Amino acid sequence: MELLHHGVDQSVIALWLGHESVETTQIYIHADMRLKEKALSQVTKPEAHSRRYRPDDELLAFLESL
């Protein structure tokens, strides 16, 4: 986790540990609270409320004709 915290790429960590693939390394890498807090600090709340997309009748008619 310390290597990950210091910016070492997961594929490099996998090579150092002798793992066959990066997916194997994923088993051992779990995000802790520091990583979660860092990620959340970089996210901004959207200004607009998201709404579900509602296609109009013309689009629905086109899709049904396919």
PDB file of N, CA and C in Angstrom:
ATOM      1  N   MET A   1       0.825  -1.194   0.000  1.00  0.00           N
ATOM      2  CA  MET A   1       0.000   0.000   0.000  1.00  0.00           C
ATOM      3  C   MET A   1       0.865   1.252   0.000  1.00  0.00           C
ATOM      4  N   GLU A   2       1.993   1.207   0.688  1.00  0.00           N
ATOM      5  CA  GLU A   2       2.868   2.383   0.719  1.00  0.00           C
ATOM      6  C   GLU A   2       3.379   2.729  -0.673  1.00  0.00           C
ATOM      7  N   LEU A   3       3.747   1.716  -1.451  1.00  0.00           N
ATOM      8  CA  LEU A   3       4.191   1.972  -2.822  1.00  0.00           C
ATOM      9  C   LEU A   3       3.074   2.622  -3.624  1.00  0.00           C
ATOM     10  N   LEU A   4       1.880   2.122  -3.468  1.00  0.00           N
ATOM     11  CA  LEU A   4       0.731   2.675  -4.169  1.00  0.00           C
ATOM     12  C   LEU A   4       0.478   4.113  -3.739  1.00  0.00           C
ATOM     13  N   HIS A   5       0.610   4.392  -2.447  1.00  0.00           N
ATOM     14  CA  HIS A   5       0.426   5.748  -1.927  1.00  0.00           C
ATOM     15  C   HIS A   5       1.463   6.713  -2.492  1.00  0.00           C
ATOM     16  N   HIS A   6       2.641   6.199  -2.798  1.00  0.00           N
ATOM     17  CA  HIS A   6       3.704   7.061  -3.312  1.00  0.00           C
ATOM     18  C   HIS A   6       3.715   7.139  -4.834  1.00  0.00           C
ATOM     19  N   GLY A   7       2.668   6.608  -5.464  1.00  0.00           N
ATOM     20  CA  GLY A   7       2.497   6.780  -6.900  1.00  0.00           C
ATOM     21  C   GLY A   7       3.109   5.703  -7.776  1.00  0.00           C
ATOM     22  N   VAL A   8       3.547   4.593  -7.190  1.00  0.00           N
ATOM     23  CA  VAL A   8       4.087   3.506  -8.001  1.00  0.00           C
ATOM     24  C   VAL A   8       2.925   2.805  -8.698  1.00  0.00           C
ATOM     25  N   ASP A   9       3.067   2.600  -9.997  1.00  0.00           N
ATOM     26  CA  ASP A   9       2.014   1.983 -10.790  1.00  0.00           C
ATOM     27  C   ASP A   9       1.787   0.535 -10.356  1.00  0.00           C
ATOM     28  N   GLN A  10       0.535   0.095 -10.425  1.00  0.00           N
ATOM     29  CA  GLN A  10       0.181  -1.258 -10.006  1.00  0.00           C
ATOM     30  C   GLN A  10       0.880  -2.324 -10.834  1.00  0.00           C
ATOM     31  N   SER A  11       1.114  -2.049 -12.114  1.00  0.00           N
ATOM     32  CA  SER A  11       1.796  -3.038 -12.948  1.00  0.00           C
ATOM     33  C   SER A  11       3.250  -3.211 -12.511  1.00  0.00           C
ATOM     34  N   VAL A  12       3.880  -2.137 -12.042  1.00  0.00           N
ATOM     35  CA  VAL A  12       5.250  -2.228 -11.535  1.00  0.00           C
ATOM     36  C   VAL A  12       5.271  -3.044 -10.245  1.00  0.00           C
ATOM     37  N   ILE A  13       4.301  -2.801  -9.383  1.00  0.00           N
ATOM     38  CA  ILE A  13       4.208  -3.563  -8.134  1.00  0.00           C
ATOM     39  C   ILE A  13       4.008  -5.043  -8.448  1.00  0.00           C
ATOM     40  N   ALA A  14       3.186  -5.350  -9.439  1.00  0.00           N
ATOM     41  CA  ALA A  14       2.944  -6.740  -9.836  1.00  0.00           C
ATOM     42  C   ALA A  14       4.235  -7.399 -10.313  1.00  0.00           C
ATOM     43  N   LEU A  15       5.043  -6.660 -11.076  1.00  0.00           N
ATOM     44  CA  LEU A  15       6.320  -7.209 -11.544  1.00  0.00           C
ATOM     45  C   LEU A  15       7.263  -7.462 -10.384  1.00  0.00           C
ATOM     46  N   TRP A  16       7.355  -6.517  -9.452  1.00  0.00           N
ATOM     47  CA  TRP A  16       8.243  -6.671  -8.293  1.00  0.00           C
ATOM     48  C   TRP A  16       7.843  -7.868  -7.438  1.00  0.00           C
ATOM     49  N   LEU A  17       6.535  -8.101  -7.323  1.00  0.00           N
ATOM     50  CA  LEU A  17       6.065  -9.208  -6.499  1.00  0.00           C
ATOM     51  C   LEU A  17       6.080 -10.538  -7.243  1.00  0.00           C
ATOM     52  N   GLY A  18       6.363 -10.488  -8.542  1.00  0.00           N
ATOM     53  CA  GLY A  18       6.427 -11.715  -9.328  1.00  0.00           C
ATOM     54  C   GLY A  18       5.067 -12.274  -9.689  1.00  0.00           C
ATOM     55  N   HIS A  19       4.056 -11.419  -9.714  1.00  0.00           N
ATOM     56  CA  HIS A  19       2.718 -11.881 -10.070  1.00  0.00           C
ATOM     57  C   HIS A  19       2.606 -12.067 -11.579  1.00  0.00           C
ATOM     58  N   GLU A  20       1.806 -13.033 -11.954  1.00  0.00           N
ATOM     59  CA  GLU A  20       1.612 -13.338 -13.369  1.00  0.00           C
ATOM     60  C   GLU A  20       0.896 -12.196 -14.100  1.00  0.00           C
ATOM     61  N   SER A  21      -0.040 -11.571 -13.406  1.00  0.00           N
ATOM     62  CA  SER A  21      -0.788 -10.482 -14.021  1.00  0.00           C
ATOM     63  C   SER A  21      -1.153  -9.439 -12.966  1.00  0.00           C
ATOM     64  N   VAL A  22      -1.575  -8.279 -13.449  1.00  0.00           N
ATOM     65  CA  VAL A  22      -1.983  -7.209 -12.540  1.00  0.00           C
ATOM     66  C   VAL A  22      -3.239  -7.612 -11.773  1.00  0.00           C
ATOM     67  N   GLU A  23      -4.085  -8.454 -12.396  1.00  0.00           N
ATOM     68  CA  GLU A  23      -5.301  -8.906 -11.724  1.00  0.00           C
ATOM     69  C   GLU A  23      -4.969  -9.671 -10.439  1.00  0.00           C
ATOM     70  N   THR A  24      -3.870 -10.412 -10.467  1.00  0.00           N
ATOM     71  CA  THR A  24      -3.455 -11.128  -9.258  1.00  0.00           C
ATOM     72  C   THR A  24      -3.092 -10.144  -8.153  1.00  0.00           C
ATOM     73  N   THR A  25      -2.442  -9.057  -8.530  1.00  0.00           N
ATOM     74  CA  THR A  25      -2.031  -8.045  -7.555  1.00  0.00           C
ATOM     75  C   THR A  25      -3.248  -7.353  -6.957  1.00  0.00           C
ATOM     76  N   GLN A  26      -4.307  -7.223  -7.745  1.00  0.00           N
ATOM     77  CA  GLN A  26      -5.519  -6.562  -7.260  1.00  0.00           C
ATOM     78  C   GLN A  26      -6.074  -7.231  -6.005  1.00  0.00           C
ATOM     79  N   ILE A  27      -5.876  -8.521  -5.872  1.00  0.00           N
ATOM     80  CA  ILE A  27      -6.370  -9.240  -4.705  1.00  0.00           C
ATOM     81  C   ILE A  27      -5.774  -8.650  -3.427  1.00  0.00           C
ATOM     82  N   TYR A  28      -4.517  -8.211  -3.526  1.00  0.00           N
ATOM     83  CA  TYR A  28      -3.801  -7.740  -2.350  1.00  0.00           C
ATOM     84  C   TYR A  28      -3.895  -6.230  -2.144  1.00  0.00           C
ATOM     85  N   ILE A  29      -4.353  -5.526  -3.147  1.00  0.00           N
ATOM     86  CA  ILE A  29      -4.433  -4.062  -3.052  1.00  0.00           C
ATOM     87  C   ILE A  29      -5.872  -3.672  -2.740  1.00  0.00           C
ATOM     88  N   HIS A  30      -6.075  -3.156  -1.565  1.00  0.00           N
ATOM     89  CA  HIS A  30      -7.388  -2.678  -1.160  1.00  0.00           C
ATOM     90  C   HIS A  30      -7.265  -1.211  -0.785  1.00  0.00           C
ATOM     91  N   ALA A  31      -8.191  -0.408  -1.281  1.00  0.00           N
ATOM     92  CA  ALA A  31      -8.147   1.019  -0.987  1.00  0.00           C
ATOM     93  C   ALA A  31      -8.440   1.244   0.487  1.00  0.00           C
ATOM     94  N   ASP A  32      -7.559   1.944   1.147  1.00  0.00           N
ATOM     95  CA  ASP A  32      -7.810   2.280   2.545  1.00  0.00           C
ATOM     96  C   ASP A  32      -8.384   3.690   2.624  1.00  0.00           C
ATOM     97  N   MET A  33      -8.601   4.164   3.817  1.00  0.00           N
ATOM     98  CA  MET A  33      -9.268   5.455   4.005  1.00  0.00           C
ATOM     99  C   MET A  33      -8.463   6.609   3.414  1.00  0.00           C
ATOM    100  N   ARG A  34      -7.135   6.551   3.443  1.00  0.00           N
ATOM    101  CA  ARG A  34      -6.330   7.634   2.869  1.00  0.00           C
ATOM    102  C   ARG A  34      -6.557   7.747   1.371  1.00  0.00           C
ATOM    103  N   LEU A  35      -6.589   6.600   0.687  1.00  0.00           N
ATOM    104  CA  LEU A  35      -6.833   6.626  -0.756  1.00  0.00           C
ATOM    105  C   LEU A  35      -8.236   7.127  -1.071  1.00  0.00           C
ATOM    106  N   LYS A  36      -9.211   6.683  -0.288  1.00  0.00           N
ATOM    107  CA  LYS A  36     -10.593   7.118  -0.520  1.00  0.00           C
ATOM    108  C   LYS A  36     -10.739   8.618  -0.287  1.00  0.00           C
ATOM    109  N   GLU A  37     -10.135   9.124   0.796  1.00  0.00           N
ATOM    110  CA  GLU A  37     -10.209  10.559   1.078  1.00  0.00           C
ATOM    111  C   GLU A  37      -9.528  11.370  -0.016  1.00  0.00           C
ATOM    112  N   LYS A  38      -8.385  10.885  -0.507  1.00  0.00           N
ATOM    113  CA  LYS A  38      -7.671  11.593  -1.573  1.00  0.00           C
ATOM    114  C   LYS A  38      -8.528  11.638  -2.841  1.00  0.00           C
ATOM    115  N   ALA A  39      -9.151  10.516  -3.189  1.00  0.00           N
ATOM    116  CA  ALA A  39      -9.993  10.468  -4.385  1.00  0.00           C
ATOM    117  C   ALA A  39     -11.209  11.377  -4.241  1.00  0.00           C
ATOM    118  N   LEU A  40     -11.841  11.338  -3.078  1.00  0.00           N
ATOM    119  CA  LEU A  40     -13.025  12.170  -2.862  1.00  0.00           C
ATOM    120  C   LEU A  40     -12.688  13.655  -2.840  1.00  0.00           C
ATOM    121  N   SER A  41     -11.488  14.006  -2.411  1.00  0.00           N
ATOM    122  CA  SER A  41     -11.111  15.414  -2.375  1.00  0.00           C
ATOM    123  C   SER A  41     -10.927  15.984  -3.778  1.00  0.00           C
ATOM    124  N   GLN A  42     -10.706  15.134  -4.747  1.00  0.00           N
ATOM    125  CA  GLN A  42     -10.507  15.580  -6.122  1.00  0.00           C
ATOM    126  C   GLN A  42     -11.797  15.622  -6.931  1.00  0.00           C
ATOM    127  N   VAL A  43     -12.886  15.186  -6.343  1.00  0.00           N
ATOM    128  CA  VAL A  43     -14.171  15.149  -7.037  1.00  0.00           C
ATOM    129  C   VAL A  43     -14.978  16.380  -6.642  1.00  0.00           C
ATOM    130  N   THR A  44     -15.584  16.993  -7.622  1.00  0.00           N
ATOM    131  CA  THR A  44     -16.458  18.119  -7.334  1.00  0.00           C
ATOM    132  C   THR A  44     -17.901  17.695  -7.543  1.00  0.00           C
ATOM    133  N   LYS A  45     -18.756  18.227  -6.725  1.00  0.00           N
ATOM    134  CA  LYS A  45     -20.171  17.903  -6.826  1.00  0.00           C
ATOM    135  C   LYS A  45     -20.748  18.576  -8.072  1.00  0.00           C
ATOM    136  N   PRO A  46     -21.499  17.845  -8.871  1.00  0.00           N
ATOM    137  CA  PRO A  46     -22.088  18.458 -10.064  1.00  0.00           C
ATOM    138  C   PRO A  46     -23.088  19.545  -9.680  1.00  0.00           C
ATOM    139  N   GLU A  47     -23.113  20.588 -10.485  1.00  0.00           N
ATOM    140  CA  GLU A  47     -24.010  21.709 -10.190  1.00  0.00           C
ATOM    141  C   GLU A  47     -25.463  21.371 -10.494  1.00  0.00           C
ATOM    142  N   ALA A  48     -25.669  20.620 -11.541  1.00  0.00           N
ATOM    143  CA  ALA A  48     -27.038  20.285 -11.934  1.00  0.00           C
ATOM    144  C   ALA A  48     -27.414  18.910 -11.394  1.00  0.00           C
ATOM    145  N   HIS A  49     -28.670  18.751 -11.077  1.00  0.00           N
ATOM    146  CA  HIS A  49     -29.152  17.438 -10.651  1.00  0.00           C
ATOM    147  C   HIS A  49     -29.279  16.549 -11.879  1.00  0.00           C
ATOM    148  N   SER A  50     -28.784  15.353 -11.773  1.00  0.00           N
ATOM    149  CA  SER A  50     -28.895  14.446 -12.905  1.00  0.00           C
ATOM    150  C   SER A  50     -30.322  13.921 -12.990  1.00  0.00           C
ATOM    151  N   ARG A  51     -30.780  13.790 -14.201  1.00  0.00           N
ATOM    152  CA  ARG A  51     -32.126  13.286 -14.441  1.00  0.00           C
ATOM    153  C   ARG A  51     -32.046  12.113 -15.383  1.00  0.00           C
ATOM    154  N   ARG A  52     -33.020  11.275 -15.295  1.00  0.00           N
ATOM    155  CA  ARG A  52     -33.075  10.128 -16.190  1.00  0.00           C
ATOM    156  C   ARG A  52     -33.461  10.612 -17.588  1.00  0.00           C
ATOM    157  N   TYR A  53     -32.757  10.105 -18.601  1.00  0.00           N
ATOM    158  CA  TYR A  53     -33.024  10.478 -19.977  1.00  0.00           C
ATOM    159  C   TYR A  53     -34.338   9.882 -20.431  1.00  0.00           C
ATOM    160  N   ARG A  54     -35.169  10.697 -21.022  1.00  0.00           N
ATOM    161  CA  ARG A  54     -36.453  10.246 -21.565  1.00  0.00           C
ATOM    162  C   ARG A  54     -36.467  10.534 -23.069  1.00  0.00           C
ATOM    163  N   PRO A  55     -36.350   9.495 -23.893  1.00  0.00           N
ATOM    164  CA  PRO A  55     -36.347   9.722 -25.337  1.00  0.00           C
ATOM    165  C   PRO A  55     -37.721  10.191 -25.807  1.00  0.00           C
ATOM    166  N   ASP A  56     -37.709  10.989 -26.876  1.00  0.00           N
ATOM    167  CA  ASP A  56     -38.985  11.477 -27.406  1.00  0.00           C
ATOM    168  C   ASP A  56     -39.630  10.399 -28.284  1.00  0.00           C
ATOM    169  N   ASP A  57     -40.878  10.644 -28.682  1.00  0.00           N
ATOM    170  CA  ASP A  57     -41.647   9.658 -29.448  1.00  0.00           C
ATOM    171  C   ASP A  57     -41.000   9.341 -30.796  1.00  0.00           C
ATOM    172  N   GLU A  58     -40.395  10.342 -31.420  1.00  0.00           N
ATOM    173  CA  GLU A  58     -39.759  10.135 -32.724  1.00  0.00           C
ATOM    174  C   GLU A  58     -38.591   9.149 -32.596  1.00  0.00           C
ATOM    175  N   LEU A  59     -37.774   9.295 -31.573  1.00  0.00           N
ATOM    176  CA  LEU A  59     -36.656   8.385 -31.358  1.00  0.00           C
ATOM    177  C   LEU A  59     -37.151   6.979 -31.032  1.00  0.00           C
ATOM    178  N   LEU A  60     -38.165   6.873 -30.199  1.00  0.00           N
ATOM    179  CA  LEU A  60     -38.723   5.567 -29.866  1.00  0.00           C
ATOM    180  C   LEU A  60     -39.298   4.874 -31.091  1.00  0.00           C
ATOM    181  N   ALA A  61     -39.967   5.637 -31.952  1.00  0.00           N
ATOM    182  CA  ALA A  61     -40.539   5.066 -33.177  1.00  0.00           C
ATOM    183  C   ALA A  61     -39.411   4.558 -34.079  1.00  0.00           C
ATOM    184  N   PHE A  62     -38.328   5.321 -34.184  1.00  0.00           N
ATOM    185  CA  PHE A  62     -37.183   4.898 -34.989  1.00  0.00           C
ATOM    186  C   PHE A  62     -36.593   3.602 -34.448  1.00  0.00           C
ATOM    187  N   LEU A  63     -36.380   3.542 -33.141  1.00  0.00           N
ATOM    188  CA  LEU A  63     -35.786   2.352 -32.544  1.00  0.00           C
ATOM    189  C   LEU A  63     -36.675   1.127 -32.695  1.00  0.00           C
ATOM    190  N   GLU A  64     -37.976   1.316 -32.590  1.00  0.00           N
ATOM    191  CA  GLU A  64     -38.896   0.202 -32.745  1.00  0.00           C
ATOM    192  C   GLU A  64     -38.932  -0.304 -34.197  1.00  0.00           C
ATOM    193  N   SER A  65     -38.608   0.575 -35.144  1.00  0.00           N
ATOM    194  CA  SER A  65     -38.629   0.179 -36.558  1.00  0.00           C
ATOM    195  C   SER A  65     -37.396  -0.624 -36.950  1.00  0.00           C
ATOM    196  N   LEU A  66     -36.393  -0.672 -36.090  1.00  0.00           N
ATOM    197  CA  LEU A  66     -35.150  -1.395 -36.435  1.00  0.00           C
ATOM    198  C   LEU A  66     -35.317  -2.881 -36.409  1.00  0.00           C
TER     199      LEU A  66
END
